[in-house]
PDB file of all heavy atoms in Angstrom:
ATOM      1  N   ALA A   1      26.560 124.871  22.289  1.00  0.00           N
ATOM      2  CA  ALA A   1      26.106 123.489  22.068  1.00  0.00           C
ATOM      3  C   ALA A   1      26.445 122.660  23.293  1.00  0.00           C
ATOM      4  O   ALA A   1      27.441 122.918  23.977  1.00  0.00           O
ATOM      5  CB  ALA A   1      26.768 122.894  20.829  1.00  0.00           C
ATOM      6  N   ASN A   2      25.606 121.655  23.551  1.00  0.00           N
ATOM      7  CA  ASN A   2      25.803 120.828  24.748  1.00  0.00           C
ATOM      8  C   ASN A   2      25.431 119.381  24.485  1.00  0.00           C
ATOM      9  O   ASN A   2      24.443 119.090  23.807  1.00  0.00           O
ATOM     10  CB  ASN A   2      24.949 121.366  25.905  1.00  0.00           C
ATOM     11  CG  ASN A   2      24.801 120.357  27.050  1.00  0.00           C
ATOM     12  OD1 ASN A   2      23.709 119.894  27.316  1.00  0.00           O
ATOM     13  ND2 ASN A   2      25.888 120.024  27.703  1.00  0.00           N
ATOM     14  N   ASP A   3      26.241 118.460  25.003  1.00  0.00           N
ATOM     15  CA  ASP A   3      25.901 117.039  25.045  1.00  0.00           C
ATOM     16  C   ASP A   3      26.700 116.400  26.170  1.00  0.00           C
ATOM     17  O   ASP A   3      27.829 116.807  26.446  1.00  0.00           O
ATOM     18  CB  ASP A   3      26.201 116.336  23.722  1.00  0.00           C
ATOM     19  CG  ASP A   3      25.382 115.049  23.563  1.00  0.00           C
ATOM     20  OD1 ASP A   3      25.751 114.019  24.170  1.00  0.00           O
ATOM     21  OD2 ASP A   3      24.363 115.087  22.859  1.00  0.00           O
ATOM     22  N   PHE A   4      26.091 115.398  26.817  1.00  0.00           N
ATOM     23  CA  PHE A   4      26.781 114.760  27.935  1.00  0.00           C
ATOM     24  C   PHE A   4      27.679 113.614  27.492  1.00  0.00           C
ATOM     25  O   PHE A   4      28.546 113.167  28.236  1.00  0.00           O
ATOM     26  CB  PHE A   4      25.753 114.232  28.948  1.00  0.00           C
ATOM     27  CG  PHE A   4      25.145 112.907  28.561  1.00  0.00           C
ATOM     28  CD1 PHE A   4      25.587 111.732  29.129  1.00  0.00           C
ATOM     29  CD2 PHE A   4      24.129 112.847  27.605  1.00  0.00           C
ATOM     30  CE1 PHE A   4      25.035 110.511  28.766  1.00  0.00           C
ATOM     31  CE2 PHE A   4      23.576 111.637  27.239  1.00  0.00           C
ATOM     32  CZ  PHE A   4      24.029 110.465  27.815  1.00  0.00           C
ATOM     33  N   ASP A   5      27.506 113.122  26.255  1.00  0.00           N
ATOM     34  CA  ASP A   5      28.258 111.977  25.748  1.00  0.00           C
ATOM     35  C   ASP A   5      29.605 112.444  25.188  1.00  0.00           C
ATOM     36  O   ASP A   5      29.657 113.153  24.182  1.00  0.00           O
ATOM     37  CB  ASP A   5      27.441 111.283  24.654  1.00  0.00           C
ATOM     38  CG  ASP A   5      28.043 109.954  24.215  1.00  0.00           C
ATOM     39  OD1 ASP A   5      29.244 109.936  23.887  1.00  0.00           O
ATOM     40  OD2 ASP A   5      27.317 108.952  24.179  1.00  0.00           O
ATOM     41  N   ALA A   6      30.685 112.037  25.838  1.00  0.00           N
ATOM     42  CA  ALA A   6      32.013 112.506  25.447  1.00  0.00           C
ATOM     43  C   ALA A   6      32.389 112.058  24.039  1.00  0.00           C
ATOM     44  O   ALA A   6      33.058 112.794  23.303  1.00  0.00           O
ATOM     45  CB  ALA A   6      33.060 112.012  26.453  1.00  0.00           C
ATOM     46  N   LYS A   7      31.977 110.850  23.654  1.00  0.00           N
ATOM     47  CA  LYS A   7      32.317 110.345  22.326  1.00  0.00           C
ATOM     48  C   LYS A   7      31.607 111.152  21.239  1.00  0.00           C
ATOM     49  O   LYS A   7      32.201 111.496  20.213  1.00  0.00           O
ATOM     50  CB  LYS A   7      31.955 108.866  22.211  1.00  0.00           C
ATOM     51  CG  LYS A   7      32.755 107.954  23.131  1.00  0.00           C
ATOM     52  CD  LYS A   7      34.243 108.003  22.800  1.00  0.00           C
ATOM     53  CE  LYS A   7      35.029 107.042  23.668  1.00  0.00           C
ATOM     54  NZ  LYS A   7      36.493 107.114  23.383  1.00  0.00           N
ATOM     55  N   LYS A   8      30.329 111.439  21.453  1.00  0.00           N
ATOM     56  CA  LYS A   8      29.604 112.268  20.491  1.00  0.00           C
ATOM     57  C   LYS A   8      30.197 113.665  20.436  1.00  0.00           C
ATOM     58  O   LYS A   8      30.298 114.281  19.369  1.00  0.00           O
ATOM     59  CB  LYS A   8      28.120 112.341  20.861  1.00  0.00           C
ATOM     60  CG  LYS A   8      27.352 111.045  20.684  1.00  0.00           C
ATOM     61  CD  LYS A   8      25.901 111.246  21.072  1.00  0.00           C
ATOM     62  CE  LYS A   8      25.106 109.959  20.959  1.00  0.00           C
ATOM     63  NZ  LYS A   8      23.712 110.131  21.399  1.00  0.00           N
ATOM     64  N   ALA A   9      30.596 114.160  21.601  1.00  0.00           N
ATOM     65  CA  ALA A   9      31.184 115.495  21.652  1.00  0.00           C
ATOM     66  C   ALA A   9      32.477 115.554  20.847  1.00  0.00           C
ATOM     67  O   ALA A   9      32.797 116.588  20.240  1.00  0.00           O
ATOM     68  CB  ALA A   9      31.441 115.894  23.100  1.00  0.00           C
ATOM     69  N   GLU A  10      33.228 114.456  20.820  1.00  0.00           N
ATOM     70  CA  GLU A  10      34.441 114.414  20.004  1.00  0.00           C
ATOM     71  C   GLU A  10      34.106 114.601  18.527  1.00  0.00           C
ATOM     72  O   GLU A  10      34.800 115.322  17.800  1.00  0.00           O
ATOM     73  CB  GLU A  10      35.165 113.077  20.210  1.00  0.00           C
ATOM     74  CG  GLU A  10      35.866 112.944  21.552  1.00  0.00           C
ATOM     75  CD  GLU A  10      36.564 111.593  21.691  1.00  0.00           C
ATOM     76  OE1 GLU A  10      36.674 110.870  20.678  1.00  0.00           O
ATOM     77  OE2 GLU A  10      37.001 111.269  22.810  1.00  0.00           O
ATOM     78  N   SER A  11      33.034 113.950  18.089  1.00  0.00           N
ATOM     79  CA  SER A  11      32.611 114.102  16.696  1.00  0.00           C
ATOM     80  C   SER A  11      32.138 115.520  16.432  1.00  0.00           C
ATOM     81  O   SER A  11      32.417 116.099  15.373  1.00  0.00           O
ATOM     82  CB  SER A  11      31.500 113.102  16.368  1.00  0.00           C
ATOM     83  OG  SER A  11      31.987 111.779  16.404  1.00  0.00           O
ATOM     84  N   TYR A  12      31.403 116.075  17.389  1.00  0.00           N
ATOM     85  CA  TYR A  12      30.942 117.454  17.219  1.00  0.00           C
ATOM     86  C   TYR A  12      32.137 118.384  17.044  1.00  0.00           C
ATOM     87  O   TYR A  12      32.177 119.201  16.118  1.00  0.00           O
ATOM     88  CB  TYR A  12      30.107 117.881  18.426  1.00  0.00           C
ATOM     89  CG  TYR A  12      29.440 119.227  18.242  1.00  0.00           C
ATOM     90  CD1 TYR A  12      28.105 119.316  17.890  1.00  0.00           C
ATOM     91  CD2 TYR A  12      30.165 120.416  18.392  1.00  0.00           C
ATOM     92  CE1 TYR A  12      27.493 120.549  17.692  1.00  0.00           C
ATOM     93  CE2 TYR A  12      29.574 121.648  18.192  1.00  0.00           C
ATOM     94  CZ  TYR A  12      28.239 121.707  17.843  1.00  0.00           C
ATOM     95  OH  TYR A  12      27.641 122.926  17.637  1.00  0.00           O
ATOM     96  N   ALA A  13      33.113 118.237  17.934  1.00  0.00           N
ATOM     97  CA  ALA A  13      34.283 119.107  17.891  1.00  0.00           C
ATOM     98  C   ALA A  13      35.072 118.925  16.600  1.00  0.00           C
ATOM     99  O   ALA A  13      35.611 119.892  16.041  1.00  0.00           O
ATOM    100  CB  ALA A  13      35.174 118.845  19.102  1.00  0.00           C
ATOM    101  N   SER A  14      35.145 117.683  16.108  1.00  0.00           N
ATOM    102  CA  SER A  14      35.889 117.407  14.879  1.00  0.00           C
ATOM    103  C   SER A  14      35.274 118.117  13.685  1.00  0.00           C
ATOM    104  O   SER A  14      35.979 118.506  12.744  1.00  0.00           O
ATOM    105  CB  SER A  14      35.923 115.895  14.606  1.00  0.00           C
ATOM    106  OG  SER A  14      36.640 115.219  15.607  1.00  0.00           O
ATOM    107  N   ASN A  15      33.957 118.273  13.719  1.00  0.00           N
ATOM    108  CA  ASN A  15      33.266 118.857  12.570  1.00  0.00           C
ATOM    109  C   ASN A  15      32.939 120.335  12.725  1.00  0.00           C
ATOM    110  O   ASN A  15      32.875 121.064  11.732  1.00  0.00           O
ATOM    111  CB  ASN A  15      31.978 118.077  12.305  1.00  0.00           C
ATOM    112  CG  ASN A  15      32.236 116.684  11.745  1.00  0.00           C
ATOM    113  OD1 ASN A  15      32.467 116.524  10.561  1.00  0.00           O
ATOM    114  ND2 ASN A  15      32.213 115.664  12.606  1.00  0.00           N
ATOM    115  N   TRP A  16      32.741 120.787  13.961  1.00  0.00           N
ATOM    116  CA  TRP A  16      32.262 122.154  14.162  1.00  0.00           C
ATOM    117  C   TRP A  16      33.155 122.993  15.070  1.00  0.00           C
ATOM    118  O   TRP A  16      32.903 124.186  15.237  1.00  0.00           O
ATOM    119  CB  TRP A  16      30.844 122.131  14.750  1.00  0.00           C
ATOM    120  CG  TRP A  16      29.890 121.235  14.024  1.00  0.00           C
ATOM    121  CD1 TRP A  16      29.379 120.054  14.471  1.00  0.00           C
ATOM    122  CD2 TRP A  16      29.343 121.429  12.712  1.00  0.00           C
ATOM    123  NE1 TRP A  16      28.539 119.501  13.539  1.00  0.00           N
ATOM    124  CE2 TRP A  16      28.499 120.327  12.435  1.00  0.00           C
ATOM    125  CE3 TRP A  16      29.477 122.428  11.752  1.00  0.00           C
ATOM    126  CZ2 TRP A  16      27.804 120.202  11.244  1.00  0.00           C
ATOM    127  CZ3 TRP A  16      28.780 122.300  10.561  1.00  0.00           C
ATOM    128  CH2 TRP A  16      27.954 121.205  10.309  1.00  0.00           C
ATOM    129  N   GLY A  17      34.142 122.369  15.691  1.00  0.00           N
ATOM    130  CA  GLY A  17      34.965 123.094  16.650  1.00  0.00           C
ATOM    131  C   GLY A  17      34.417 122.946  18.059  1.00  0.00           C
ATOM    132  O   GLY A  17      33.289 122.480  18.273  1.00  0.00           O
ATOM    133  N   SER A  18      35.214 123.327  19.039  1.00  0.00           N
ATOM    134  CA  SER A  18      34.826 123.096  20.437  1.00  0.00           C
ATOM    135  C   SER A  18      34.752 124.369  21.266  1.00  0.00           C
ATOM    136  O   SER A  18      34.486 124.305  22.464  1.00  0.00           O
ATOM    137  CB  SER A  18      35.838 122.141  21.094  1.00  0.00           C
ATOM    138  OG  SER A  18      37.159 122.692  21.031  1.00  0.00           O
ATOM    139  N   ASP A  19      34.977 125.521  20.648  1.00  0.00           N
ATOM    140  CA  ASP A  19      35.021 126.754  21.427  1.00  0.00           C
ATOM    141  C   ASP A  19      33.690 127.090  22.080  1.00  0.00           C
ATOM    142  O   ASP A  19      33.646 127.746  23.125  1.00  0.00           O
ATOM    143  CB  ASP A  19      35.482 127.919  20.546  1.00  0.00           C
ATOM    144  CG  ASP A  19      34.599 128.108  19.322  1.00  0.00           C
ATOM    145  OD1 ASP A  19      34.211 127.102  18.712  1.00  0.00           O
ATOM    146  OD2 ASP A  19      34.292 129.277  18.980  1.00  0.00           O
ATOM    147  N   HIS A  20      32.591 126.642  21.496  1.00  0.00           N
ATOM    148  CA  HIS A  20      31.257 126.932  22.034  1.00  0.00           C
ATOM    149  C   HIS A  20      30.579 125.671  22.587  1.00  0.00           C
ATOM    150  O   HIS A  20      29.389 125.685  22.885  1.00  0.00           O
ATOM    151  CB  HIS A  20      30.377 127.517  20.934  1.00  0.00           C
ATOM    152  CG  HIS A  20      30.228 126.603  19.755  1.00  0.00           C
ATOM    153  ND1 HIS A  20      31.251 126.390  18.861  1.00  0.00           N
ATOM    154  CD2 HIS A  20      29.209 125.804  19.352  1.00  0.00           C
ATOM    155  CE1 HIS A  20      30.860 125.518  17.950  1.00  0.00           C
ATOM    156  NE2 HIS A  20      29.625 125.144  18.222  1.00  0.00           N
ATOM    157  N   LEU A  21      31.323 124.573  22.736  1.00  0.00           N
ATOM    158  CA  LEU A  21      30.766 123.280  23.140  1.00  0.00           C
ATOM    159  C   LEU A  21      30.967 123.024  24.627  1.00  0.00           C
ATOM    160  O   LEU A  21      32.084 123.110  25.138  1.00  0.00           O
ATOM    161  CB  LEU A  21      31.435 122.172  22.323  1.00  0.00           C
ATOM    162  CG  LEU A  21      31.056 120.723  22.663  1.00  0.00           C
ATOM    163  CD1 LEU A  21      29.574 120.477  22.386  1.00  0.00           C
ATOM    164  CD2 LEU A  21      31.921 119.749  21.855  1.00  0.00           C
ATOM    165  N   HIS A  22      29.879 122.698  25.305  1.00  0.00           N
ATOM    166  CA  HIS A  22      29.932 122.319  26.724  1.00  0.00           C
ATOM    167  C   HIS A  22      29.638 120.830  26.828  1.00  0.00           C
ATOM    168  O   HIS A  22      28.538 120.381  26.478  1.00  0.00           O
ATOM    169  CB  HIS A  22      28.914 123.112  27.540  1.00  0.00           C
ATOM    170  CG  HIS A  22      28.807 122.681  28.978  1.00  0.00           C
ATOM    171  ND1 HIS A  22      29.637 123.184  29.963  1.00  0.00           N
ATOM    172  CD2 HIS A  22      27.996 121.788  29.596  1.00  0.00           C
ATOM    173  CE1 HIS A  22      29.328 122.621  31.123  1.00  0.00           C
ATOM    174  NE2 HIS A  22      28.328 121.771  30.923  1.00  0.00           N
ATOM    175  N   VAL A  23      30.600 120.059  27.299  1.00  0.00           N
ATOM    176  CA  VAL A  23      30.432 118.609  27.435  1.00  0.00           C
ATOM    177  C   VAL A  23      30.075 118.296  28.881  1.00  0.00           C
ATOM    178  O   VAL A  23      30.865 118.541  29.800  1.00  0.00           O
ATOM    179  CB  VAL A  23      31.709 117.856  27.019  1.00  0.00           C
ATOM    180  CG1 VAL A  23      31.466 116.346  27.080  1.00  0.00           C
ATOM    181  CG2 VAL A  23      32.148 118.260  25.622  1.00  0.00           C
ATOM    182  N   GLY A  24      28.881 117.773  29.085  1.00  0.00           N
ATOM    183  CA  GLY A  24      28.443 117.461  30.431  1.00  0.00           C
ATOM    184  C   GLY A  24      26.931 117.395  30.506  1.00  0.00           C
ATOM    185  O   GLY A  24      26.232 117.772  29.564  1.00  0.00           O
ATOM    186  N   ASP A  25      26.432 116.891  31.621  1.00  0.00           N
ATOM    187  CA  ASP A  25      24.991 116.785  31.832  1.00  0.00           C
ATOM    188  C   ASP A  25      24.357 118.164  31.742  1.00  0.00           C
ATOM    189  O   ASP A  25      24.926 119.166  32.194  1.00  0.00           O
ATOM    190  CB  ASP A  25      24.725 116.172  33.205  1.00  0.00           C
ATOM    191  CG  ASP A  25      23.303 115.667  33.349  1.00  0.00           C
ATOM    192  OD1 ASP A  25      22.362 116.466  33.123  1.00  0.00           O
ATOM    193  OD2 ASP A  25      23.128 114.479  33.677  1.00  0.00           O
ATOM    194  N   ILE A  26      23.164 118.227  31.192  1.00  0.00           N
ATOM    195  CA  ILE A  26      22.497 119.517  31.029  1.00  0.00           C
ATOM    196  C   ILE A  26      22.202 120.178  32.371  1.00  0.00           C
ATOM    197  O   ILE A  26      22.082 121.403  32.447  1.00  0.00           O
ATOM    198  CB  ILE A  26      21.196 119.355  30.197  1.00  0.00           C
ATOM    199  CG1 ILE A  26      20.678 120.729  29.774  1.00  0.00           C
ATOM    200  CG2 ILE A  26      20.146 118.560  30.974  1.00  0.00           C
ATOM    201  CD1 ILE A  26      19.547 120.682  28.776  1.00  0.00           C
ATOM    202  N   VAL A  27      22.119 119.385  33.437  1.00  0.00           N
ATOM    203  CA  VAL A  27      21.884 119.998  34.753  1.00  0.00           C
ATOM    204  C   VAL A  27      23.059 120.864  35.181  1.00  0.00           C
ATOM    205  O   VAL A  27      22.920 121.703  36.081  1.00  0.00           O
ATOM    206  CB  VAL A  27      21.601 118.929  35.825  1.00  0.00           C
ATOM    207  CG1 VAL A  27      20.355 118.137  35.503  1.00  0.00           C
ATOM    208  CG2 VAL A  27      22.790 118.009  36.019  1.00  0.00           C
ATOM    209  N   THR A  28      24.221 120.670  34.553  1.00  0.00           N
ATOM    210  CA  THR A  28      25.399 121.488  34.888  1.00  0.00           C
ATOM    211  C   THR A  28      25.441 122.782  34.088  1.00  0.00           C
ATOM    212  O   THR A  28      26.301 123.625  34.319  1.00  0.00           O
ATOM    213  CB  THR A  28      26.695 120.701  34.625  1.00  0.00           C
ATOM    214  OG1 THR A  28      26.842 120.453  33.215  1.00  0.00           O
ATOM    215  CG2 THR A  28      26.680 119.359  35.350  1.00  0.00           C
ATOM    216  N   VAL A  29      24.513 122.925  33.130  1.00  0.00           N
ATOM    217  CA  VAL A  29      24.473 124.138  32.319  1.00  0.00           C
ATOM    218  C   VAL A  29      23.652 125.200  33.056  1.00  0.00           C
ATOM    219  O   VAL A  29      22.513 124.962  33.449  1.00  0.00           O
ATOM    220  CB  VAL A  29      23.848 123.867  30.935  1.00  0.00           C
ATOM    221  CG1 VAL A  29      23.797 125.146  30.111  1.00  0.00           C
ATOM    222  CG2 VAL A  29      24.636 122.788  30.208  1.00  0.00           C
ATOM    223  N   LYS A  30      24.244 126.348  33.244  1.00  0.00           N
ATOM    224  CA  LYS A  30      23.580 127.453  33.924  1.00  0.00           C
ATOM    225  C   LYS A  30      23.307 128.581  32.926  1.00  0.00           C
ATOM    226  O   LYS A  30      23.958 128.671  31.887  1.00  0.00           O
ATOM    227  CB  LYS A  30      24.455 127.972  35.076  1.00  0.00           C
ATOM    228  CG  LYS A  30      24.893 126.889  36.052  1.00  0.00           C
ATOM    229  CD  LYS A  30      23.709 126.175  36.681  1.00  0.00           C
ATOM    230  CE  LYS A  30      24.177 125.078  37.640  1.00  0.00           C
ATOM    231  NZ  LYS A  30      23.026 124.284  38.165  1.00  0.00           N
ATOM    232  N   PRO A  31      22.355 129.454  33.247  1.00  0.00           N
ATOM    233  CA  PRO A  31      22.081 130.572  32.335  1.00  0.00           C
ATOM    234  C   PRO A  31      23.336 131.369  31.986  1.00  0.00           C
ATOM    235  O   PRO A  31      23.486 131.821  30.844  1.00  0.00           O
ATOM    236  CB  PRO A  31      21.075 131.413  33.121  1.00  0.00           C
ATOM    237  CG  PRO A  31      20.363 130.427  33.986  1.00  0.00           C
ATOM    238  CD  PRO A  31      21.415 129.432  34.382  1.00  0.00           C
ATOM    239  N   ALA A  32      24.243 131.509  32.948  1.00  0.00           N
ATOM    240  CA  ALA A  32      25.473 132.263  32.691  1.00  0.00           C
ATOM    241  C   ALA A  32      26.357 131.573  31.665  1.00  0.00           C
ATOM    242  O   ALA A  32      27.233 132.213  31.069  1.00  0.00           O
ATOM    243  CB  ALA A  32      26.243 132.453  33.996  1.00  0.00           C
ATOM    244  N   SER A  33      26.126 130.255  31.444  1.00  0.00           N
ATOM    245  CA  SER A  33      26.916 129.519  30.457  1.00  0.00           C
ATOM    246  C   SER A  33      26.499 129.852  29.032  1.00  0.00           C
ATOM    247  O   SER A  33      27.241 129.566  28.083  1.00  0.00           O
ATOM    248  CB  SER A  33      26.758 128.005  30.676  1.00  0.00           C
ATOM    249  OG  SER A  33      27.057 127.624  32.001  1.00  0.00           O
ATOM    250  N   LEU A  34      25.311 130.416  28.889  1.00  0.00           N
ATOM    251  CA  LEU A  34      24.735 130.655  27.562  1.00  0.00           C
ATOM    252  C   LEU A  34      24.980 132.094  27.139  1.00  0.00           C
ATOM    253  O   LEU A  34      24.442 133.027  27.746  1.00  0.00           O
ATOM    254  CB  LEU A  34      23.231 130.360  27.580  1.00  0.00           C
ATOM    255  CG  LEU A  34      22.867 128.931  27.998  1.00  0.00           C
ATOM    256  CD1 LEU A  34      21.362 128.811  28.178  1.00  0.00           C
ATOM    257  CD2 LEU A  34      23.355 127.934  26.967  1.00  0.00           C
ATOM    258  N   PRO A  35      25.785 132.285  26.104  1.00  0.00           N
ATOM    259  CA  PRO A  35      26.100 133.650  25.682  1.00  0.00           C
ATOM    260  C   PRO A  35      24.973 134.286  24.885  1.00  0.00           C
ATOM    261  O   PRO A  35      24.218 133.613  24.186  1.00  0.00           O
ATOM    262  CB  PRO A  35      27.337 133.444  24.794  1.00  0.00           C
ATOM    263  CG  PRO A  35      27.153 132.067  24.221  1.00  0.00           C
ATOM    264  CD  PRO A  35      26.487 131.270  25.311  1.00  0.00           C
ATOM    265  N   GLY A  36      24.880 135.585  24.998  1.00  0.00           N
ATOM    266  CA  GLY A  36      23.970 136.335  24.149  1.00  0.00           C
ATOM    267  C   GLY A  36      22.499 136.042  24.374  1.00  0.00           C
ATOM    268  O   GLY A  36      22.080 135.566  25.427  1.00  0.00           O
ATOM    269  N   HIS A  37      21.726 136.324  23.345  1.00  0.00           N
ATOM    270  CA  HIS A  37      20.271 136.128  23.360  1.00  0.00           C
ATOM    271  C   HIS A  37      19.902 135.441  22.048  1.00  0.00           C
ATOM    272  O   HIS A  37      19.681 136.088  21.025  1.00  0.00           O
ATOM    273  CB  HIS A  37      19.568 137.477  23.489  1.00  0.00           C
ATOM    274  CG  HIS A  37      18.085 137.382  23.640  1.00  0.00           C
ATOM    275  ND1 HIS A  37      17.276 138.479  23.873  1.00  0.00           N
ATOM    276  CD2 HIS A  37      17.242 136.321  23.586  1.00  0.00           C
ATOM    277  CE1 HIS A  37      16.024 138.092  23.943  1.00  0.00           C
ATOM    278  NE2 HIS A  37      15.967 136.789  23.768  1.00  0.00           N
ATOM    279  N   ALA A  38      19.885 134.112  22.064  1.00  0.00           N
ATOM    280  CA  ALA A  38      19.670 133.331  20.839  1.00  0.00           C
ATOM    281  C   ALA A  38      18.238 133.457  20.339  1.00  0.00           C
ATOM    282  O   ALA A  38      17.293 133.592  21.125  1.00  0.00           O
ATOM    283  CB  ALA A  38      20.013 131.869  21.077  1.00  0.00           C
ATOM    284  N   ASP A  39      18.086 133.386  19.031  1.00  0.00           N
ATOM    285  CA  ASP A  39      16.753 133.380  18.434  1.00  0.00           C
ATOM    286  C   ASP A  39      16.057 132.034  18.616  1.00  0.00           C
ATOM    287  O   ASP A  39      14.832 131.970  18.728  1.00  0.00           O
ATOM    288  CB  ASP A  39      16.852 133.677  16.930  1.00  0.00           C
ATOM    289  CG  ASP A  39      17.381 135.069  16.656  1.00  0.00           C
ATOM    290  OD1 ASP A  39      16.694 136.046  17.013  1.00  0.00           O
ATOM    291  OD2 ASP A  39      18.486 135.182  16.089  1.00  0.00           O
ATOM    292  N   LEU A  40      16.847 130.960  18.633  1.00  0.00           N
ATOM    293  CA  LEU A  40      16.299 129.596  18.629  1.00  0.00           C
ATOM    294  C   LEU A  40      17.031 128.719  19.630  1.00  0.00           C
ATOM    295  O   LEU A  40      18.258 128.800  19.759  1.00  0.00           O
ATOM    296  CB  LEU A  40      16.441 128.998  17.220  1.00  0.00           C
ATOM    297  CG  LEU A  40      16.249 127.485  17.051  1.00  0.00           C
ATOM    298  CD1 LEU A  40      14.786 127.102  17.252  1.00  0.00           C
ATOM    299  CD2 LEU A  40      16.722 127.037  15.662  1.00  0.00           C
ATOM    300  N   ALA A  41      16.287 127.875  20.321  1.00  0.00           N
ATOM    301  CA  ALA A  41      16.868 126.792  21.108  1.00  0.00           C
ATOM    302  C   ALA A  41      16.375 125.485  20.501  1.00  0.00           C
ATOM    303  O   ALA A  41      15.169 125.233  20.452  1.00  0.00           O
ATOM    304  CB  ALA A  41      16.461 126.880  22.575  1.00  0.00           C
ATOM    305  N   TRP A  42      17.311 124.669  20.015  1.00  0.00           N
ATOM    306  CA  TRP A  42      16.957 123.370  19.438  1.00  0.00           C
ATOM    307  C   TRP A  42      17.289 122.286  20.457  1.00  0.00           C
ATOM    308  O   TRP A  42      18.380 122.253  21.016  1.00  0.00           O
ATOM    309  CB  TRP A  42      17.744 123.117  18.144  1.00  0.00           C
ATOM    310  CG  TRP A  42      17.328 121.831  17.494  1.00  0.00           C
ATOM    311  CD1 TRP A  42      17.676 120.553  17.882  1.00  0.00           C
ATOM    312  CD2 TRP A  42      16.446 121.677  16.371  1.00  0.00           C
ATOM    313  NE1 TRP A  42      17.063 119.623  17.071  1.00  0.00           N
ATOM    314  CE2 TRP A  42      16.309 120.291  16.134  1.00  0.00           C
ATOM    315  CE3 TRP A  42      15.783 122.582  15.543  1.00  0.00           C
ATOM    316  CZ2 TRP A  42      15.524 119.792  15.100  1.00  0.00           C
ATOM    317  CZ3 TRP A  42      14.999 122.081  14.522  1.00  0.00           C
ATOM    318  CH2 TRP A  42      14.874 120.703  14.303  1.00  0.00           C
TER     319      TRP A  42
END
């Protein structure tokens, strides 16, 4: 999961955990950051 807004990311982490959460602009997300082969991208 990814979002650039730190405050929203805090809520995400509070409800879903942060182990798979990348906080930052999407331009900083690289293919190597994405694990596995997901069925869906939302």
